[in-house]
C-alpha atoms as a PDB file:
ATOM      1  CA  MET A   1     -16.007  -0.213  22.546  1.00  0.00           C
ATOM      2  CA  ASN A   2     -12.873  -1.618  21.144  1.00  0.00           C
ATOM      3  CA  LYS A   3     -10.553  -1.058  18.647  1.00  0.00           C
ATOM      4  CA  ILE A   4     -11.340  -2.309  15.225  1.00  0.00           C
ATOM      5  CA  ILE A   5      -8.083  -3.095  13.827  1.00  0.00           C
ATOM      6  CA  LEU A   6      -8.764  -3.013   9.685  1.00  0.00           C
ATOM      7  CA  SER A   7      -5.227  -3.781   7.339  1.00  0.00           C
ATOM      8  CA  GLY A   8      -4.787  -4.293   3.479  1.00  0.00           C
ATOM      9  CA  SER A   9      -2.083  -4.732   1.028  1.00  0.00           C
ATOM     10  CA  LEU A  10      -1.656  -4.154  -2.570  1.00  0.00           C
ATOM     11  CA  VAL A  11       1.261  -5.986  -4.714  1.00  0.00           C
ATOM     12  CA  VAL A  12       2.178  -3.855  -7.391  1.00  0.00           C
ATOM     13  CA  TYR A  13       4.858  -4.602  -9.588  1.00  0.00           C
ATOM     14  CA  LYS A  14       6.234  -1.435 -11.360  1.00  0.00           C
ATOM     15  CA  PRO A  15       2.841   0.744 -10.846  1.00  0.00           C
ATOM     16  CA  ASP A  16       1.759   3.269 -12.625  1.00  0.00           C
ATOM     17  CA  LEU A  17       2.352   5.972 -10.247  1.00  0.00           C
ATOM     18  CA  ASP A  18      -1.204   8.128 -11.300  1.00  0.00           C
ATOM     19  CA  VAL A  19      -3.782   4.597 -11.075  1.00  0.00           C
ATOM     20  CA  LEU A  20      -2.343   3.876  -8.176  1.00  0.00           C
ATOM     21  CA  GLU A  21      -3.036   7.668  -6.649  1.00  0.00           C
ATOM     22  CA  ARG A  22      -6.144   7.384  -7.536  1.00  0.00           C
ATOM     23  CA  THR A  23      -6.150   3.882  -5.819  1.00  0.00           C
ATOM     24  CA  LEU A  24      -4.913   5.199  -2.678  1.00  0.00           C
ATOM     25  CA  LEU A  25      -7.239   8.604  -2.427  1.00  0.00           C
ATOM     26  CA  ALA A  26     -10.170   6.094  -2.821  1.00  0.00           C
ATOM     27  CA  LEU A  27      -9.388   4.181   0.131  1.00  0.00           C
ATOM     28  CA  GLN A  28      -8.503   7.320   2.054  1.00  0.00           C
ATOM     29  CA  VAL A  29     -12.480   8.744   1.024  1.00  0.00           C
ATOM     30  CA  ALA A  30     -13.129   4.883   2.074  1.00  0.00           C
ATOM     31  CA  GLY A  31     -11.513   5.507   5.429  1.00  0.00           C
ATOM     32  CA  GLN A  32     -12.522   8.213   6.234  1.00  0.00           C
ATOM     33  CA  GLU A  33     -16.259   6.686   6.019  1.00  0.00           C
ATOM     34  CA  VAL A  34     -15.608   4.475   7.912  1.00  0.00           C
ATOM     35  CA  GLN A  35     -13.627   6.052  10.849  1.00  0.00           C
ATOM     36  CA  GLN A  36     -16.640   8.743  10.727  1.00  0.00           C
ATOM     37  CA  LYS A  37     -18.906   4.804  12.467  1.00  0.00           C
ATOM     38  CA  PHE A  38     -16.054   2.637  14.101  1.00  0.00           C
ATOM     39  CA  ILE A  39     -12.701   3.462  16.018  1.00  0.00           C
ATOM     40  CA  VAL A  40     -10.800   2.245  14.065  1.00  0.00           C
ATOM     41  CA  ARG A  41      -6.436   0.862  13.760  1.00  0.00           C
ATOM     42  CA  LEU A  42      -6.143   1.182   9.563  1.00  0.00           C
ATOM     43  CA  GLN A  43      -3.061   0.072   7.769  1.00  0.00           C
ATOM     44  CA  LEU A  44      -1.945  -0.668   4.604  1.00  0.00           C
ATOM     45  CA  THR A  45       0.654  -2.443   3.326  1.00  0.00           C
ATOM     46  CA  LEU A  46       2.212  -1.754  -0.343  1.00  0.00           C
ATOM     47  CA  VAL A  47       4.106  -4.622  -1.820  1.00  0.00           C
ATOM     48  CA  ASP A  48       6.843  -3.324  -4.530  1.00  0.00           C
ATOM     49  CA  ASN A  49       7.454  -7.164  -6.254  1.00  0.00           C
ATOM     50  CA  SER A  50      10.349  -5.639  -8.702  1.00  0.00           C
ATOM     51  CA  ASP A  51      13.870  -6.458  -7.231  1.00  0.00           C
ATOM     52  CA  ASP A  52      14.299  -3.351  -8.624  1.00  0.00           C
ATOM     53  CA  ASP A  53      16.184  -0.864  -6.467  1.00  0.00           C
ATOM     54  CA  LEU A  54      15.579   2.222  -8.485  1.00  0.00           C
ATOM     55  CA  CYS A  55      11.781   1.331  -8.456  1.00  0.00           C
ATOM     56  CA  PHE A  56      11.391   0.852  -4.739  1.00  0.00           C
ATOM     57  CA  ASN A  57      13.632   4.509  -3.827  1.00  0.00           C
ATOM     58  CA  HIS A  58      11.031   5.792  -6.348  1.00  0.00           C
ATOM     59  CA  LEU A  59       7.882   4.942  -5.321  1.00  0.00           C
ATOM     60  CA  ASN A  60       8.943   5.193  -1.387  1.00  0.00           C
ATOM     61  CA  ALA A  61      10.061   8.665  -2.345  1.00  0.00           C
ATOM     62  CA  TRP A  62       6.662   9.090  -4.132  1.00  0.00           C
ATOM     63  CA  LEU A  63       4.523   7.399  -1.324  1.00  0.00           C
ATOM     64  CA  GLU A  64       6.380   9.751   1.083  1.00  0.00           C
ATOM     65  CA  ASN A  65       5.309  13.123  -1.023  1.00  0.00           C
ATOM     66  CA  LEU A  66       1.541  11.368  -1.061  1.00  0.00           C
ATOM     67  CA  ALA A  67       1.831  10.659   3.047  1.00  0.00           C
ATOM     68  CA  SER A  68       0.024  14.065   4.625  1.00  0.00           C
ATOM     69  CA  ALA A  69      -2.430  12.432   1.309  1.00  0.00           C
ATOM     70  CA  LEU A  70      -3.317   9.728   2.715  1.00  0.00           C
ATOM     71  CA  SER A  71      -4.465  10.336   6.967  1.00  0.00           C
ATOM     72  CA  CYS A  72      -6.357   7.586   8.021  1.00  0.00           C
ATOM     73  CA  TRP A  73      -3.730   4.639   6.508  1.00  0.00           C
ATOM     74  CA  GLU A  74      -0.836   3.733   8.714  1.00  0.00           C
ATOM     75  CA  VAL A  75       0.714   2.771   5.316  1.00  0.00           C
ATOM     76  CA  ARG A  76       4.116   1.314   4.848  1.00  0.00           C
ATOM     77  CA  LEU A  77       6.341   0.005   1.163  1.00  0.00           C
ATOM     78  CA  LEU A  78       7.720  -3.273   2.022  1.00  0.00           C
ATOM     79  CA  ARG A  79       9.745  -4.784  -0.592  1.00  0.00           C
ATOM     80  CA  SER A  80       9.951  -8.157  -1.759  1.00  0.00           C
ATOM     81  CA  PRO A  81      11.947 -10.110  -4.496  1.00  0.00           C
ATOM     82  CA  ASN A  82       9.559 -10.712  -7.765  1.00  0.00           C
ATOM     83  CA  ILE A  83       9.799 -15.193  -7.136  1.00  0.00           C
ATOM     84  CA  SER A  84       8.016 -16.625 -10.688  1.00  0.00           C
ATOM     85  CA  PHE A  85       5.723 -18.496 -10.036  1.00  0.00           C
ATOM     86  CA  HIS A  86       7.306 -21.551 -12.186  1.00  0.00           C
ATOM     87  CA  LYS A  87      10.661 -20.735 -10.087  1.00  0.00           C
ATOM     88  CA  TYR A  88       8.267 -20.981  -6.801  1.00  0.00           C
ATOM     89  CA  ILE A  89       7.014 -24.340  -8.633  1.00  0.00           C
ATOM     90  CA  TYR A  90       9.468 -26.487  -9.475  1.00  0.00           C
ATOM     91  CA  ASN A  91      12.834 -25.110  -7.488  1.00  0.00           C
END
């Protein structure tokens, strides 16, 4: 059987870390269920849309501490400058 690759992304902007943690842990439970039935590679990308060095560094350190609880997932954090809709459309 071929390995299934399931990937997803969450775009966050100065997230409430308690809410984000509950979300990620729910994905972990879902990932465990999927891995019981399929040969699967689970990938999750968090995109920090804050354009704030302090926020990005804090989120990165927080995510590293949570990594062991997300063992089903390959998790990576990307940085993305926040481009407002108005600037995107009118510039």
